[in-house]
Amino acid sequence: MIREAPAMMVRQKFGEILNEVQYRRGRVVITKAGKPVAALVDMALFEKIRRLDEEFERMKDGMAKAFAKVSVEEGGALVDEAFRKARKQKRTRK
């Protein structure tokens, strides 16, 4: 379950909130002046997020290298074609 908690409350009840996250796999969005500023999640979820972030960076770097010599126009055309093919495949699978 995801719940919101003001920063002041988190400061006052940090131990309780930490136990909620650690043992009950709770998720807490910390707010300041009603706006979300941070989140507390258990380590398993954090590790998944970290791995996804690292994989995204590797993919982004690979794409940048693969398309380094491709113009913006050519790249846009390639992306458009890939989307058209993917949509066509999706329609034929239904």
C-alpha atoms as a PDB file:
ATOM      1  CA  MET A   1       0.000   0.000   0.000  1.00  0.00           C
ATOM      2  CA  ILE A   2       1.235   3.498  -0.801  1.00  0.00           C
ATOM      3  CA  ARG A   3       0.428   6.269   1.612  1.00  0.00           C
ATOM      4  CA  GLU A   4       1.409   9.898   1.944  1.00  0.00           C
ATOM      5  CA  ALA A   5       2.971  11.386   5.047  1.00  0.00           C
ATOM      6  CA  PRO A   6       4.059  14.956   5.737  1.00  0.00           C
ATOM      7  CA  ALA A   7       7.789  15.384   6.348  1.00  0.00           C
ATOM      8  CA  MET A   8       7.181  16.611   9.905  1.00  0.00           C
ATOM      9  CA  MET A   9       5.283  13.430  10.776  1.00  0.00           C
ATOM     10  CA  VAL A  10       7.985  11.292   9.154  1.00  0.00           C
ATOM     11  CA  ARG A  11      10.579  13.072  11.289  1.00  0.00           C
ATOM     12  CA  GLN A  12       8.548  12.491  14.449  1.00  0.00           C
ATOM     13  CA  LYS A  13       7.629   8.858  13.750  1.00  0.00           C
ATOM     14  CA  PHE A  14      10.581   7.721  11.662  1.00  0.00           C
ATOM     15  CA  GLY A  15      11.085   4.455  13.552  1.00  0.00           C
ATOM     16  CA  GLU A  16       7.467   3.413  13.110  1.00  0.00           C
ATOM     17  CA  ILE A  17       7.450   4.347   9.438  1.00  0.00           C
ATOM     18  CA  LEU A  18      10.727   2.527   8.865  1.00  0.00           C
ATOM     19  CA  ASN A  19       9.254  -0.626  10.418  1.00  0.00           C
ATOM     20  CA  GLU A  20       6.180  -0.274   8.207  1.00  0.00           C
ATOM     21  CA  VAL A  21       8.371  -0.110   5.117  1.00  0.00           C
ATOM     22  CA  GLN A  22      10.806  -2.809   6.213  1.00  0.00           C
ATOM     23  CA  TYR A  23       8.471  -5.434   7.632  1.00  0.00           C
ATOM     24  CA  ARG A  24       5.155  -4.792   5.900  1.00  0.00           C
ATOM     25  CA  ARG A  25       6.657  -3.693   2.567  1.00  0.00           C
ATOM     26  CA  GLY A  26       4.781  -0.432   2.845  1.00  0.00           C
ATOM     27  CA  ARG A  27       5.543   2.517   0.626  1.00  0.00           C
ATOM     28  CA  VAL A  28       5.464   6.062   1.916  1.00  0.00           C
ATOM     29  CA  VAL A  29       5.459   9.203  -0.191  1.00  0.00           C
ATOM     30  CA  ILE A  30       6.862  12.055   1.872  1.00  0.00           C
ATOM     31  CA  THR A  31       5.292  15.448   1.253  1.00  0.00           C
ATOM     32  CA  LYS A  32       6.252  19.030   2.013  1.00  0.00           C
ATOM     33  CA  ALA A  33       3.522  21.643   1.788  1.00  0.00           C
ATOM     34  CA  GLY A  34       1.326  18.951   0.252  1.00  0.00           C
ATOM     35  CA  LYS A  35       3.737  18.211  -2.606  1.00  0.00           C
ATOM     36  CA  PRO A  36       5.520  14.844  -2.993  1.00  0.00           C
ATOM     37  CA  VAL A  37       9.280  15.231  -2.475  1.00  0.00           C
ATOM     38  CA  ALA A  38      10.602  11.738  -1.694  1.00  0.00           C
ATOM     39  CA  ALA A  39       9.569   8.159  -1.076  1.00  0.00           C
ATOM     40  CA  LEU A  40      10.494   5.391   1.349  1.00  0.00           C
ATOM     41  CA  VAL A  41      10.416   1.860  -0.095  1.00  0.00           C
ATOM     42  CA  ASP A  42      11.806  -1.479   1.044  1.00  0.00           C
ATOM     43  CA  MET A  43      15.240  -2.560  -0.192  1.00  0.00           C
ATOM     44  CA  ALA A  44      13.894  -5.248  -2.528  1.00  0.00           C
ATOM     45  CA  LEU A  45      11.881  -2.687  -4.469  1.00  0.00           C
ATOM     46  CA  PHE A  46      14.737  -0.194  -4.382  1.00  0.00           C
ATOM     47  CA  GLU A  47      17.102  -2.805  -5.866  1.00  0.00           C
ATOM     48  CA  LYS A  48      14.616  -3.532  -8.671  1.00  0.00           C
ATOM     49  CA  ILE A  49      14.351   0.171  -9.428  1.00  0.00           C
ATOM     50  CA  ARG A  50      18.140   0.549  -9.342  1.00  0.00           C
ATOM     51  CA  ARG A  51      18.637  -2.378 -11.753  1.00  0.00           C
ATOM     52  CA  LEU A  52      15.996  -1.016 -14.119  1.00  0.00           C
ATOM     53  CA  ASP A  53      17.664   2.387 -14.030  1.00  0.00           C
ATOM     54  CA  GLU A  54      21.077   0.866 -14.803  1.00  0.00           C
ATOM     55  CA  GLU A  55      19.629  -1.199 -17.662  1.00  0.00           C
ATOM     56  CA  PHE A  56      17.907   1.877 -19.074  1.00  0.00           C
ATOM     57  CA  GLU A  57      21.213   3.791 -18.993  1.00  0.00           C
ATOM     58  CA  ARG A  58      23.002   0.911 -20.781  1.00  0.00           C
ATOM     59  CA  MET A  59      20.295   0.788 -23.438  1.00  0.00           C
ATOM     60  CA  LYS A  60      20.325   4.561 -23.858  1.00  0.00           C
ATOM     61  CA  ASP A  61      24.115   4.594 -24.263  1.00  0.00           C
ATOM     62  CA  GLY A  62      23.937   1.719 -26.747  1.00  0.00           C
ATOM     63  CA  MET A  63      21.294   3.498 -28.794  1.00  0.00           C
ATOM     64  CA  ALA A  64      23.317   6.714 -28.768  1.00  0.00           C
ATOM     65  CA  LYS A  65      26.358   4.861 -30.110  1.00  0.00           C
ATOM     66  CA  ALA A  66      24.344   2.899 -32.674  1.00  0.00           C
ATOM     67  CA  PHE A  67      22.695   6.035 -34.036  1.00  0.00           C
ATOM     68  CA  ALA A  68      25.597   8.470 -33.633  1.00  0.00           C
ATOM     69  CA  LYS A  69      25.993   8.897 -37.398  1.00  0.00           C
ATOM     70  CA  VAL A  70      22.269   8.958 -38.189  1.00  0.00           C
ATOM     71  CA  SER A  71      20.624  12.327 -38.816  1.00  0.00           C
ATOM     72  CA  VAL A  72      17.624  13.397 -36.766  1.00  0.00           C
ATOM     73  CA  GLU A  73      15.389  13.038 -39.819  1.00  0.00           C
ATOM     74  CA  GLU A  74      16.642   9.516 -40.575  1.00  0.00           C
ATOM     75  CA  GLY A  75      16.302   8.539 -36.920  1.00  0.00           C
ATOM     76  CA  GLY A  76      12.753   9.863 -36.813  1.00  0.00           C
ATOM     77  CA  ALA A  77      11.866   7.900 -39.938  1.00  0.00           C
ATOM     78  CA  LEU A  78      13.321   4.708 -38.435  1.00  0.00           C
ATOM     79  CA  VAL A  79      11.339   5.191 -35.225  1.00  0.00           C
ATOM     80  CA  ASP A  80       8.135   5.868 -37.171  1.00  0.00           C
ATOM     81  CA  GLU A  81       8.640   2.699 -39.211  1.00  0.00           C
ATOM     82  CA  ALA A  82       9.320   0.629 -36.085  1.00  0.00           C
ATOM     83  CA  PHE A  83       6.086   1.927 -34.514  1.00  0.00           C
ATOM     84  CA  ARG A  84       4.105   1.124 -37.659  1.00  0.00           C
ATOM     85  CA  LYS A  85       5.470  -2.441 -37.699  1.00  0.00           C
ATOM     86  CA  ALA A  86       4.799  -2.936 -33.981  1.00  0.00           C
ATOM     87  CA  ARG A  87       1.218  -1.686 -34.297  1.00  0.00           C
ATOM     88  CA  LYS A  88       0.622  -3.920 -37.307  1.00  0.00           C
ATOM     89  CA  GLN A  89       1.938  -6.960 -35.412  1.00  0.00           C
ATOM     90  CA  LYS A  90      -0.248  -6.117 -32.422  1.00  0.00           C
ATOM     91  CA  ARG A  91      -3.362  -5.908 -34.635  1.00  0.00           C
ATOM     92  CA  THR A  92      -2.617  -9.256 -36.313  1.00  0.00           C
ATOM     93  CA  ARG A  93      -2.215 -11.026 -32.934  1.00  0.00           C
ATOM     94  CA  LYS A  94      -5.724 -10.081 -31.759  1.00  0.00           C
END
